Every structure is written in structure tokens, then in C-alpha cells.
């Protein structure tokens, strides 16, 4: 119950000092169908999977078996300046890591996260790093995204897409690639943008930021939640980021995702349990589980 389609186990442990062994033990004791551990770097898949294996080996057998059944993996390249500048080699590395994955065949189930981030966009050029994010890198971000969409198409895998303040660039790349299978992670746009993604066959995932909605915006969020078809709706934590209310500002983990389901259910005139049952169905279909 209360599946999570986006979390970062390695980051939780290395940057937020979460006890990974304890976390997996607690997760295994919940009735959780699915958690998706997300890649962000071209070379991180083998490291992330080895970390997970090491943690499972420390658990009692019953907990380890449950954790292994619950946690799945993606591999992808978030558009950092370094990866954009070295995009051809980065995608070669990513492809090699995916093809040589040492886990069970059905554990690597998607490519991502990848996409476009213009959150710090100034005068048409993303200024995450004002010294080196010039036009060539700005254009290269789009190329890196397209290369990964092409790889996913060749491997017949769903894609987990990161799109922040970059709807037009994101959507244009998707249309150019012709690959429409996967998730728009941490969806942060409105109904008009949702309609375009949904018309192409994408799933929309909402996370902890949903619970930050101001009272003046609640009707907009309610309208969005009720607009998204039930068979295209997913929920996520993006742990260790975006902890839901009442934990906002604290380190997030997938154990907090019930708060997101509860918040959404209240706006959709349903129950968190009903939403959970539907999202599990959506996950099984999207990832062919």
C-alpha cells in the first residue's frame, strides 16, 4: 500500500545520514507494493544497486526478501552542467551500465530521471552556474534529453522525466522523439500542460509539494487532481527532498508518502486506500510488473 514512484536511497544515506538498514527494515514491515529508486548520473547505477544489496545482506532474511521485492531501479542522467558538456560519453556510459546491469532482469524498469530544468532561467539561459551555463550548454541540455529518449525507445523502457519551469522545451523534445511512455515526475504545471502530456499518453506523478498548497490555490489543485484520469495518476516522495506537511523542511523518506495520498484523497472525495489501489494498478501496467 502507498507505493512511491520516485526516491533516492543513496542520497538519503550519503547526504542526509539516513540509516539505510533501518529504513529498509521499516519499509519491509509496511504493506508497500512498490518503490522506485531513481538514477541521476550516467555512472551511478552499479553503485546504487551495490549499496542496496549490501543493506539487504544485513537484514533478517524475511525483511531482505520483502525489500528486494519492493524496490526497483531506474538509470538516467539529470541535466547537470558536467553531464551536458560531456553528453556523448555520458550517454555511452549510461547505456553500458544499463546493458551490463547485474541485478535481476526485471529490477531495472525505466530510464531516468532525465529532462530539462530552467528553474533559474534568466534572460533565456539557465543560470544554475552563471560562469559556464552558456548557450552551448543551454542547447546541449536539450540534446542530452533527446539522446536519452532515443535510448529509452531503443530499449523499450518507460522514461521518468524531470521538467521544471521548462514545459515547452520538455514537450517539444518529447514530440520530436516520438516516445511517449513514462512519468512526468513531480508535476508542477497546470491543467493545460497536463492535457498535452496526457494526450500523448504520459502518467503524471505528484509529490510532497502538493501538500504545500496555499488556501488560495486549493481549488486549482483540486481541479487538477480531479482532471487527471485515475489511470494516469501516480504519487511520489522524491526523498530525501520535499517532505510533506507536517514534516516540511525535514528529511523526507518513502515512509512519509501516506501523507501525500491522504492530502490528495481529501481533495478528490475518495480515500487514500482507494487511491493506493488505483496507483498500484497503474504501476503494474506502466512497468509491466
C-alpha atoms as a PDB file:
ATOM      1  CA  UNK A   1       0.000   0.000   0.000  1.00  0.00           C
ATOM      2  CA  UNK A   2       1.083   3.606  -0.732  1.00  0.00           C
ATOM      3  CA  UNK A   3       3.635   2.944  -3.478  1.00  0.00           C
ATOM      4  CA  UNK A   4       6.311   5.571  -4.139  1.00  0.00           C
ATOM      5  CA  UNK A   5       7.401   6.134  -7.748  1.00  0.00           C
ATOM      6  CA  UNK A   6      10.410   8.365  -7.043  1.00  0.00           C
ATOM      7  CA  UNK A   7      13.043   8.294  -4.289  1.00  0.00           C
ATOM      8  CA  UNK A   8      16.848   8.487  -3.959  1.00  0.00           C
ATOM      9  CA  UNK A   9      18.199   5.904  -1.495  1.00  0.00           C
ATOM     10  CA  UNK A  10      21.879   6.725  -1.979  1.00  0.00           C
ATOM     11  CA  UNK A  11      21.284  10.445  -1.437  1.00  0.00           C
ATOM     12  CA  UNK A  12      19.178   9.751   1.658  1.00  0.00           C
ATOM     13  CA  UNK A  13      22.085   7.849   3.170  1.00  0.00           C
ATOM     14  CA  UNK A  14      25.103   9.818   1.974  1.00  0.00           C
ATOM     15  CA  UNK A  15      23.776  13.373   2.191  1.00  0.00           C
ATOM     16  CA  UNK A  16      21.069  13.172   4.863  1.00  0.00           C
ATOM     17  CA  UNK A  17      22.574  10.492   7.131  1.00  0.00           C
ATOM     18  CA  UNK A  18      19.507   8.260   6.996  1.00  0.00           C
ATOM     19  CA  UNK A  19      20.192   4.808   8.453  1.00  0.00           C
ATOM     20  CA  UNK A  20      19.677   2.790   5.277  1.00  0.00           C
ATOM     21  CA  UNK A  21      19.448  -0.562   7.029  1.00  0.00           C
ATOM     22  CA  UNK A  22      16.809   0.694   9.447  1.00  0.00           C
ATOM     23  CA  UNK A  23      14.899   2.386   6.644  1.00  0.00           C
ATOM     24  CA  UNK A  24      14.717  -0.791   4.544  1.00  0.00           C
ATOM     25  CA  UNK A  25      13.702  -2.804   7.600  1.00  0.00           C
ATOM     26  CA  UNK A  26      10.860  -0.386   8.346  1.00  0.00           C
ATOM     27  CA  UNK A  27       9.856  -0.282   4.692  1.00  0.00           C
ATOM     28  CA  UNK A  28       9.751  -4.077   4.512  1.00  0.00           C
ATOM     29  CA  UNK A  29       7.406  -4.169   7.502  1.00  0.00           C
ATOM     30  CA  UNK A  30       4.870  -1.976   5.703  1.00  0.00           C
ATOM     31  CA  UNK A  31       2.429  -3.281   3.134  1.00  0.00           C
ATOM     32  CA  UNK A  32       4.219  -1.437   0.312  1.00  0.00           C
ATOM     33  CA  UNK A  33       3.885  -2.834  -3.195  1.00  0.00           C
ATOM     34  CA  UNK A  34       6.468  -0.698  -4.997  1.00  0.00           C
ATOM     35  CA  UNK A  35       9.247   1.872  -4.519  1.00  0.00           C
ATOM     36  CA  UNK A  36      11.347   3.213  -7.396  1.00  0.00           C
ATOM     37  CA  UNK A  37      14.961   4.202  -6.730  1.00  0.00           C
ATOM     38  CA  UNK A  38      15.904   6.889  -9.244  1.00  0.00           C
ATOM     39  CA  UNK A  39      19.187   7.456 -11.075  1.00  0.00           C
ATOM     40  CA  UNK A  40      20.604  10.919 -11.761  1.00  0.00           C
ATOM     41  CA  UNK A  41      24.159  10.308 -13.051  1.00  0.00           C
ATOM     42  CA  UNK A  42      25.484   8.372 -16.014  1.00  0.00           C
ATOM     43  CA  UNK A  43      27.599   6.075 -13.847  1.00  0.00           C
ATOM     44  CA  UNK A  44      25.577   5.683 -10.642  1.00  0.00           C
ATOM     45  CA  UNK A  45      23.501   2.542 -11.375  1.00  0.00           C
ATOM     46  CA  UNK A  46      26.057  -0.053 -10.286  1.00  0.00           C
ATOM     47  CA  UNK A  47      26.908   1.951  -7.142  1.00  0.00           C
ATOM     48  CA  UNK A  48      23.279   2.352  -6.164  1.00  0.00           C
ATOM     49  CA  UNK A  49      22.438  -1.291  -6.703  1.00  0.00           C
ATOM     50  CA  UNK A  50      25.532  -2.449  -4.774  1.00  0.00           C
ATOM     51  CA  UNK A  51      24.536  -0.207  -1.873  1.00  0.00           C
ATOM     52  CA  UNK A  52      21.050  -1.715  -1.859  1.00  0.00           C
ATOM     53  CA  UNK A  53      22.436  -5.256  -1.953  1.00  0.00           C
ATOM     54  CA  UNK A  54      24.823  -4.540   0.917  1.00  0.00           C
ATOM     55  CA  UNK A  55      21.986  -3.175   3.039  1.00  0.00           C
ATOM     56  CA  UNK A  56      19.761  -6.161   2.299  1.00  0.00           C
ATOM     57  CA  UNK A  57      22.521  -8.568   3.341  1.00  0.00           C
ATOM     58  CA  UNK A  58      22.484  -7.009   6.802  1.00  0.00           C
ATOM     59  CA  UNK A  59      18.749  -7.509   7.250  1.00  0.00           C
ATOM     60  CA  UNK A  60      16.971 -10.561   8.633  1.00  0.00           C
ATOM     61  CA  UNK A  61      16.044 -12.821   5.723  1.00  0.00           C
ATOM     62  CA  UNK A  62      12.322 -12.083   5.885  1.00  0.00           C
ATOM     63  CA  UNK A  63      12.962  -8.322   5.719  1.00  0.00           C
ATOM     64  CA  UNK A  64      15.558  -8.662   2.978  1.00  0.00           C
ATOM     65  CA  UNK A  65      13.218 -10.712   0.798  1.00  0.00           C
ATOM     66  CA  UNK A  66      10.421  -8.184   1.193  1.00  0.00           C
ATOM     67  CA  UNK A  67      12.729  -5.224   0.456  1.00  0.00           C
ATOM     68  CA  UNK A  68      14.050  -6.959  -2.660  1.00  0.00           C
ATOM     69  CA  UNK A  69      10.502  -7.481  -3.905  1.00  0.00           C
ATOM     70  CA  UNK A  70       9.536  -3.861  -3.211  1.00  0.00           C
ATOM     71  CA  UNK A  71      12.441  -1.766  -4.550  1.00  0.00           C
ATOM     72  CA  UNK A  72      13.044  -1.328  -8.290  1.00  0.00           C
ATOM     73  CA  UNK A  73      15.574   0.809 -10.165  1.00  0.00           C
ATOM     74  CA  UNK A  74      15.969   3.330 -12.960  1.00  0.00           C
ATOM     75  CA  UNK A  75      19.114   4.727 -14.582  1.00  0.00           C
ATOM     76  CA  UNK A  76      19.333   8.196 -16.073  1.00  0.00           C
ATOM     77  CA  UNK A  77      21.175  11.488 -16.344  1.00  0.00           C
ATOM     78  CA  UNK A  78      19.879  14.615 -14.627  1.00  0.00           C
ATOM     79  CA  UNK A  79      20.976  17.678 -16.680  1.00  0.00           C
ATOM     80  CA  UNK A  80      23.954  18.895 -14.669  1.00  0.00           C
ATOM     81  CA  UNK A  81      26.419  21.154 -16.468  1.00  0.00           C
ATOM     82  CA  UNK A  82      29.143  18.491 -16.387  1.00  0.00           C
ATOM     83  CA  UNK A  83      26.934  15.775 -17.869  1.00  0.00           C
ATOM     84  CA  UNK A  84      25.609  18.167 -20.541  1.00  0.00           C
ATOM     85  CA  UNK A  85      29.111  19.183 -21.600  1.00  0.00           C
ATOM     86  CA  UNK A  86      30.153  15.533 -21.863  1.00  0.00           C
ATOM     87  CA  UNK A  87      26.804  14.252 -23.101  1.00  0.00           C
ATOM     88  CA  UNK A  88      28.004  11.832 -25.784  1.00  0.00           C
ATOM     89  CA  UNK A  89      30.290   9.976 -23.388  1.00  0.00           C
ATOM     90  CA  UNK A  90      27.721  10.255 -20.614  1.00  0.00           C
ATOM     91  CA  UNK A  91      25.039   8.515 -22.674  1.00  0.00           C
ATOM     92  CA  UNK A  92      27.532   5.820 -23.740  1.00  0.00           C
ATOM     93  CA  UNK A  93      28.336   5.216 -20.066  1.00  0.00           C
ATOM     94  CA  UNK A  94      24.653   5.129 -19.170  1.00  0.00           C
ATOM     95  CA  UNK A  95      23.881   2.674 -21.951  1.00  0.00           C
ATOM     96  CA  UNK A  96      26.760   0.413 -20.889  1.00  0.00           C
ATOM     97  CA  UNK A  97      25.655   0.460 -17.252  1.00  0.00           C
ATOM     98  CA  UNK A  98      22.114  -0.471 -18.219  1.00  0.00           C
ATOM     99  CA  UNK A  99      23.137  -3.250 -20.598  1.00  0.00           C
ATOM    100  CA  UNK A 100      25.529  -4.724 -18.030  1.00  0.00           C
ATOM    101  CA  UNK A 101      23.215  -4.382 -15.033  1.00  0.00           C
ATOM    102  CA  UNK A 102      23.979  -7.161 -12.541  1.00  0.00           C
ATOM    103  CA  UNK A 103      20.595  -7.276 -10.865  1.00  0.00           C
ATOM    104  CA  UNK A 104      17.634  -9.409 -11.827  1.00  0.00           C
ATOM    105  CA  UNK A 105      16.442  -8.573 -15.322  1.00  0.00           C
ATOM    106  CA  UNK A 106      13.139  -7.124 -14.164  1.00  0.00           C
ATOM    107  CA  UNK A 107      14.644  -4.842 -11.477  1.00  0.00           C
ATOM    108  CA  UNK A 108      15.825  -2.162 -13.925  1.00  0.00           C
ATOM    109  CA  UNK A 109      12.484  -0.989 -15.252  1.00  0.00           C
ATOM    110  CA  UNK A 110      12.873   2.571 -16.572  1.00  0.00           C
ATOM    111  CA  UNK A 111      15.259   5.235 -17.834  1.00  0.00           C
ATOM    112  CA  UNK A 112      15.512   8.427 -15.815  1.00  0.00           C
ATOM    113  CA  UNK A 113      15.378  10.823 -14.354  1.00  0.00           C
ATOM    114  CA  UNK A 114      16.229  12.966 -17.332  1.00  0.00           C
ATOM    115  CA  UNK A 115      14.806  16.130 -18.774  1.00  0.00           C
ATOM    116  CA  UNK A 116      15.109  19.892 -18.658  1.00  0.00           C
ATOM    117  CA  UNK A 117      15.440  22.281 -15.720  1.00  0.00           C
ATOM    118  CA  UNK A 118      15.062  26.041 -16.220  1.00  0.00           C
ATOM    119  CA  UNK A 119      14.286  26.905 -12.621  1.00  0.00           C
ATOM    120  CA  UNK A 120      16.965  29.595 -12.519  1.00  0.00           C
ATOM    121  CA  UNK A 121      16.265  30.795 -16.034  1.00  0.00           C
ATOM    122  CA  UNK A 122      17.487  34.355 -16.623  1.00  0.00           C
ATOM    123  CA  UNK A 123      17.074  36.071 -19.990  1.00  0.00           C
ATOM    124  CA  UNK A 124      16.503  32.813 -21.811  1.00  0.00           C
ATOM    125  CA  UNK A 125      19.552  30.997 -20.487  1.00  0.00           C
ATOM    126  CA  UNK A 126      19.564  28.781 -17.421  1.00  0.00           C
ATOM    127  CA  UNK A 127      21.914  30.304 -14.809  1.00  0.00           C
ATOM    128  CA  UNK A 128      22.361  27.395 -12.414  1.00  0.00           C
ATOM    129  CA  UNK A 129      26.063  28.048 -12.861  1.00  0.00           C
ATOM    130  CA  UNK A 130      26.377  31.533 -14.285  1.00  0.00           C
ATOM    131  CA  UNK A 131      30.036  31.025 -15.227  1.00  0.00           C
ATOM    132  CA  UNK A 132      29.626  28.046 -17.511  1.00  0.00           C
ATOM    133  CA  UNK A 133      25.953  27.669 -18.416  1.00  0.00           C
ATOM    134  CA  UNK A 134      26.318  29.454 -21.761  1.00  0.00           C
ATOM    135  CA  UNK A 135      24.258  28.973 -24.921  1.00  0.00           C
ATOM    136  CA  UNK A 136      26.120  25.833 -25.954  1.00  0.00           C
ATOM    137  CA  UNK A 137      25.290  24.197 -22.641  1.00  0.00           C
ATOM    138  CA  UNK A 138      21.744  25.533 -22.761  1.00  0.00           C
ATOM    139  CA  UNK A 139      21.236  23.899 -26.178  1.00  0.00           C
ATOM    140  CA  UNK A 140      23.177  20.823 -25.092  1.00  0.00           C
ATOM    141  CA  UNK A 141      20.686  20.196 -22.299  1.00  0.00           C
ATOM    142  CA  UNK A 142      18.026  19.571 -24.921  1.00  0.00           C
ATOM    143  CA  UNK A 143      20.356  17.277 -26.868  1.00  0.00           C
ATOM    144  CA  UNK A 144      21.138  15.239 -23.748  1.00  0.00           C
ATOM    145  CA  UNK A 145      17.435  14.783 -23.107  1.00  0.00           C
ATOM    146  CA  UNK A 146      16.748  13.735 -26.694  1.00  0.00           C
ATOM    147  CA  UNK A 147      19.611  11.237 -26.606  1.00  0.00           C
ATOM    148  CA  UNK A 148      18.122   9.600 -23.528  1.00  0.00           C
ATOM    149  CA  UNK A 149      14.637   9.492 -25.017  1.00  0.00           C
ATOM    150  CA  UNK A 150      16.160   7.766 -28.035  1.00  0.00           C
ATOM    151  CA  UNK A 151      17.951   5.243 -25.794  1.00  0.00           C
ATOM    152  CA  UNK A 152      14.726   4.504 -23.907  1.00  0.00           C
ATOM    153  CA  UNK A 153      12.929   3.976 -27.215  1.00  0.00           C
ATOM    154  CA  UNK A 154      15.598   1.518 -28.375  1.00  0.00           C
ATOM    155  CA  UNK A 155      15.408  -0.351 -25.054  1.00  0.00           C
ATOM    156  CA  UNK A 156      11.596  -0.175 -24.936  1.00  0.00           C
ATOM    157  CA  UNK A 157      11.641   1.375 -21.460  1.00  0.00           C
ATOM    158  CA  UNK A 158       9.408   3.968 -19.786  1.00  0.00           C
ATOM    159  CA  UNK A 159      11.066   7.311 -19.022  1.00  0.00           C
ATOM    160  CA  UNK A 160      10.983   9.286 -15.776  1.00  0.00           C
ATOM    161  CA  UNK A 161      11.076  12.937 -16.819  1.00  0.00           C
ATOM    162  CA  UNK A 162      12.269  15.910 -14.793  1.00  0.00           C
ATOM    163  CA  UNK A 163      10.706  19.139 -16.069  1.00  0.00           C
ATOM    164  CA  UNK A 164      10.968  22.305 -14.022  1.00  0.00           C
ATOM    165  CA  UNK A 165       9.910  25.666 -15.431  1.00  0.00           C
ATOM    166  CA  UNK A 166      10.544  24.156 -18.854  1.00  0.00           C
ATOM    167  CA  UNK A 167       7.254  22.886 -20.216  1.00  0.00           C
ATOM    168  CA  UNK A 168       7.715  23.988 -23.835  1.00  0.00           C
ATOM    169  CA  UNK A 169      11.252  22.622 -24.189  1.00  0.00           C
ATOM    170  CA  UNK A 170      10.258  19.386 -22.479  1.00  0.00           C
ATOM    171  CA  UNK A 171       7.152  18.871 -24.568  1.00  0.00           C
ATOM    172  CA  UNK A 172       8.905  19.752 -27.837  1.00  0.00           C
ATOM    173  CA  UNK A 173      11.619  17.184 -27.136  1.00  0.00           C
ATOM    174  CA  UNK A 174       9.029  14.529 -26.394  1.00  0.00           C
ATOM    175  CA  UNK A 175       7.175  15.312 -29.618  1.00  0.00           C
ATOM    176  CA  UNK A 176      10.434  15.232 -31.584  1.00  0.00           C
ATOM    177  CA  UNK A 177      11.447  11.886 -30.115  1.00  0.00           C
ATOM    178  CA  UNK A 178       8.093  10.224 -30.716  1.00  0.00           C
ATOM    179  CA  UNK A 179       8.487   8.224 -27.482  1.00  0.00           C
ATOM    180  CA  UNK A 180       5.523   8.628 -25.148  1.00  0.00           C
ATOM    181  CA  UNK A 181       5.845   6.165 -22.323  1.00  0.00           C
ATOM    182  CA  UNK A 182       6.535   7.055 -18.722  1.00  0.00           C
ATOM    183  CA  UNK A 183       6.136   9.609 -15.965  1.00  0.00           C
ATOM    184  CA  UNK A 184       6.311  13.378 -15.692  1.00  0.00           C
ATOM    185  CA  UNK A 185       7.873  13.397 -12.239  1.00  0.00           C
ATOM    186  CA  UNK A 186       6.932  15.984  -9.622  1.00  0.00           C
ATOM    187  CA  UNK A 187       4.364  17.530 -11.955  1.00  0.00           C
ATOM    188  CA  UNK A 188       4.251  21.268 -11.291  1.00  0.00           C
ATOM    189  CA  UNK A 189       2.249  22.711 -14.175  1.00  0.00           C
ATOM    190  CA  UNK A 190      -1.454  23.371 -14.698  1.00  0.00           C
ATOM    191  CA  UNK A 191      -4.359  21.699 -16.439  1.00  0.00           C
ATOM    192  CA  UNK A 192      -3.490  22.978 -19.927  1.00  0.00           C
ATOM    193  CA  UNK A 193       0.001  21.461 -19.694  1.00  0.00           C
ATOM    194  CA  UNK A 194      -1.387  18.303 -18.106  1.00  0.00           C
ATOM    195  CA  UNK A 195      -3.785  17.907 -21.026  1.00  0.00           C
ATOM    196  CA  UNK A 196      -0.936  17.926 -23.548  1.00  0.00           C
ATOM    197  CA  UNK A 197       1.119  15.364 -21.654  1.00  0.00           C
ATOM    198  CA  UNK A 198      -1.933  13.167 -21.044  1.00  0.00           C
ATOM    199  CA  UNK A 199      -2.997  13.330 -24.685  1.00  0.00           C
ATOM    200  CA  UNK A 200       0.400  11.834 -25.554  1.00  0.00           C
ATOM    201  CA  UNK A 201      -0.039   9.010 -23.050  1.00  0.00           C
ATOM    202  CA  UNK A 202       2.111  10.151 -20.133  1.00  0.00           C
ATOM    203  CA  UNK A 203       1.493   9.491 -16.442  1.00  0.00           C
ATOM    204  CA  UNK A 204       1.665  12.426 -14.031  1.00  0.00           C
ATOM    205  CA  UNK A 205       3.229  11.987 -10.580  1.00  0.00           C
ATOM    206  CA  UNK A 206       2.617  14.420  -7.725  1.00  0.00           C
ATOM    207  CA  UNK A 207       4.768  14.687  -4.624  1.00  0.00           C
ATOM    208  CA  UNK A 208       5.172  16.348  -1.253  1.00  0.00           C
ATOM    209  CA  UNK A 209       4.957  19.863  -2.664  1.00  0.00           C
ATOM    210  CA  UNK A 210       1.279  19.120  -3.271  1.00  0.00           C
ATOM    211  CA  UNK A 211       0.756  19.488   0.476  1.00  0.00           C
ATOM    212  CA  UNK A 212       2.345  22.975   0.463  1.00  0.00           C
ATOM    213  CA  UNK A 213      -0.585  24.412  -1.478  1.00  0.00           C
ATOM    214  CA  UNK A 214      -1.843  27.738  -0.131  1.00  0.00           C
ATOM    215  CA  UNK A 215      -5.541  28.029   0.654  1.00  0.00           C
ATOM    216  CA  UNK A 216      -5.959  30.464  -2.241  1.00  0.00           C
ATOM    217  CA  UNK A 217      -4.688  27.786  -4.645  1.00  0.00           C
ATOM    218  CA  UNK A 218      -6.542  24.782  -3.248  1.00  0.00           C
ATOM    219  CA  UNK A 219      -9.332  24.957  -5.819  1.00  0.00           C
ATOM    220  CA  UNK A 220      -6.763  24.930  -8.637  1.00  0.00           C
ATOM    221  CA  UNK A 221      -5.040  21.887  -7.194  1.00  0.00           C
ATOM    222  CA  UNK A 222      -8.365  20.194  -6.578  1.00  0.00           C
ATOM    223  CA  UNK A 223      -9.350  20.814 -10.195  1.00  0.00           C
ATOM    224  CA  UNK A 224      -6.021  19.410 -11.418  1.00  0.00           C
ATOM    225  CA  UNK A 225      -6.275  16.268  -9.297  1.00  0.00           C
ATOM    226  CA  UNK A 226      -9.788  15.607 -10.500  1.00  0.00           C
ATOM    227  CA  UNK A 227      -8.862  16.363 -14.103  1.00  0.00           C
ATOM    228  CA  UNK A 228      -6.072  13.773 -14.299  1.00  0.00           C
ATOM    229  CA  UNK A 229      -7.584  10.389 -15.269  1.00  0.00           C
ATOM    230  CA  UNK A 230      -7.308   7.921 -12.409  1.00  0.00           C
ATOM    231  CA  UNK A 231      -5.349   5.516 -14.604  1.00  0.00           C
ATOM    232  CA  UNK A 232      -2.677   8.157 -15.298  1.00  0.00           C
ATOM    233  CA  UNK A 233      -2.137   9.395 -11.725  1.00  0.00           C
ATOM    234  CA  UNK A 234       0.848   8.477  -9.544  1.00  0.00           C
ATOM    235  CA  UNK A 235       2.377   9.724  -6.279  1.00  0.00           C
ATOM    236  CA  UNK A 236       5.954  10.056  -5.084  1.00  0.00           C
ATOM    237  CA  UNK A 237       8.174  11.464  -2.355  1.00  0.00           C
ATOM    238  CA  UNK A 238      11.347  12.486  -4.247  1.00  0.00           C
ATOM    239  CA  UNK A 239      13.081  11.582  -0.970  1.00  0.00           C
ATOM    240  CA  UNK A 240      15.099  12.988   0.676  1.00  0.00           C
ATOM    241  CA  UNK A 241      13.521  16.181  -0.690  1.00  0.00           C
ATOM    242  CA  UNK A 242      10.037  17.723  -0.448  1.00  0.00           C
ATOM    243  CA  UNK A 243       8.852  16.202   2.805  1.00  0.00           C
ATOM    244  CA  UNK A 244       5.070  16.602   3.058  1.00  0.00           C
ATOM    245  CA  UNK A 245       3.282  18.665   5.651  1.00  0.00           C
ATOM    246  CA  UNK A 246       3.587  18.326   8.679  1.00  0.00           C
ATOM    247  CA  UNK A 247       7.258  17.403   8.063  1.00  0.00           C
ATOM    248  CA  UNK A 248       8.096  20.176   5.622  1.00  0.00           C
ATOM    249  CA  UNK A 249      11.739  21.228   5.915  1.00  0.00           C
ATOM    250  CA  UNK A 250      12.789  17.878   7.334  1.00  0.00           C
ATOM    251  CA  UNK A 251      14.443  14.957   5.561  1.00  0.00           C
ATOM    252  CA  UNK A 252      11.904  13.019   3.540  1.00  0.00           C
ATOM    253  CA  UNK A 253      11.660   9.226   3.144  1.00  0.00           C
ATOM    254  CA  UNK A 254       9.151   6.958   1.370  1.00  0.00           C
ATOM    255  CA  UNK A 255       7.738   6.164   4.811  1.00  0.00           C
ATOM    256  CA  UNK A 256       6.062   9.591   4.707  1.00  0.00           C
ATOM    257  CA  UNK A 257       4.197   9.064   1.446  1.00  0.00           C
ATOM    258  CA  UNK A 258       0.858   8.204   3.138  1.00  0.00           C
ATOM    259  CA  UNK A 259       0.554  11.926   3.981  1.00  0.00           C
ATOM    260  CA  UNK A 260       0.602  12.743   0.259  1.00  0.00           C
ATOM    261  CA  UNK A 261      -2.067  10.162  -0.523  1.00  0.00           C
ATOM    262  CA  UNK A 262      -4.225  11.460   2.330  1.00  0.00           C
ATOM    263  CA  UNK A 263      -3.925  15.065   1.158  1.00  0.00           C
ATOM    264  CA  UNK A 264      -4.856  14.170  -2.414  1.00  0.00           C
ATOM    265  CA  UNK A 265      -7.693  11.888  -1.356  1.00  0.00           C
ATOM    266  CA  UNK A 266      -9.305  14.664   0.685  1.00  0.00           C
ATOM    267  CA  UNK A 267      -9.430  16.864  -2.417  1.00  0.00           C
ATOM    268  CA  UNK A 268     -10.720  14.060  -4.624  1.00  0.00           C
ATOM    269  CA  UNK A 269     -13.558  12.924  -2.369  1.00  0.00           C
ATOM    270  CA  UNK A 270     -12.119   9.445  -2.027  1.00  0.00           C
ATOM    271  CA  UNK A 271      -9.900   7.547   0.384  1.00  0.00           C
ATOM    272  CA  UNK A 272      -6.151   7.155   0.449  1.00  0.00           C
ATOM    273  CA  UNK A 273      -6.664   3.400   0.270  1.00  0.00           C
ATOM    274  CA  UNK A 274      -8.690   3.711  -2.938  1.00  0.00           C
ATOM    275  CA  UNK A 275      -6.010   5.912  -4.478  1.00  0.00           C
ATOM    276  CA  UNK A 276      -3.357   3.428  -3.434  1.00  0.00           C
ATOM    277  CA  UNK A 277      -5.188   0.531  -5.068  1.00  0.00           C
ATOM    278  CA  UNK A 278      -5.518   2.502  -8.307  1.00  0.00           C
ATOM    279  CA  UNK A 279      -1.883   3.642  -8.404  1.00  0.00           C
ATOM    280  CA  UNK A 280      -0.703   0.074  -7.861  1.00  0.00           C
ATOM    281  CA  UNK A 281      -2.730  -0.940 -10.913  1.00  0.00           C
ATOM    282  CA  UNK A 282      -1.195   1.957 -12.870  1.00  0.00           C
ATOM    283  CA  UNK A 283       2.320   0.945 -11.811  1.00  0.00           C
ATOM    284  CA  UNK A 284       1.811  -2.695 -12.810  1.00  0.00           C
ATOM    285  CA  UNK A 285       0.624  -1.664 -16.249  1.00  0.00           C
ATOM    286  CA  UNK A 286       3.247   1.025 -16.907  1.00  0.00           C
ATOM    287  CA  UNK A 287       6.207  -1.067 -15.767  1.00  0.00           C
ATOM    288  CA  UNK A 288       4.819  -4.442 -16.877  1.00  0.00           C
ATOM    289  CA  UNK A 289       5.107  -5.987 -13.437  1.00  0.00           C
END
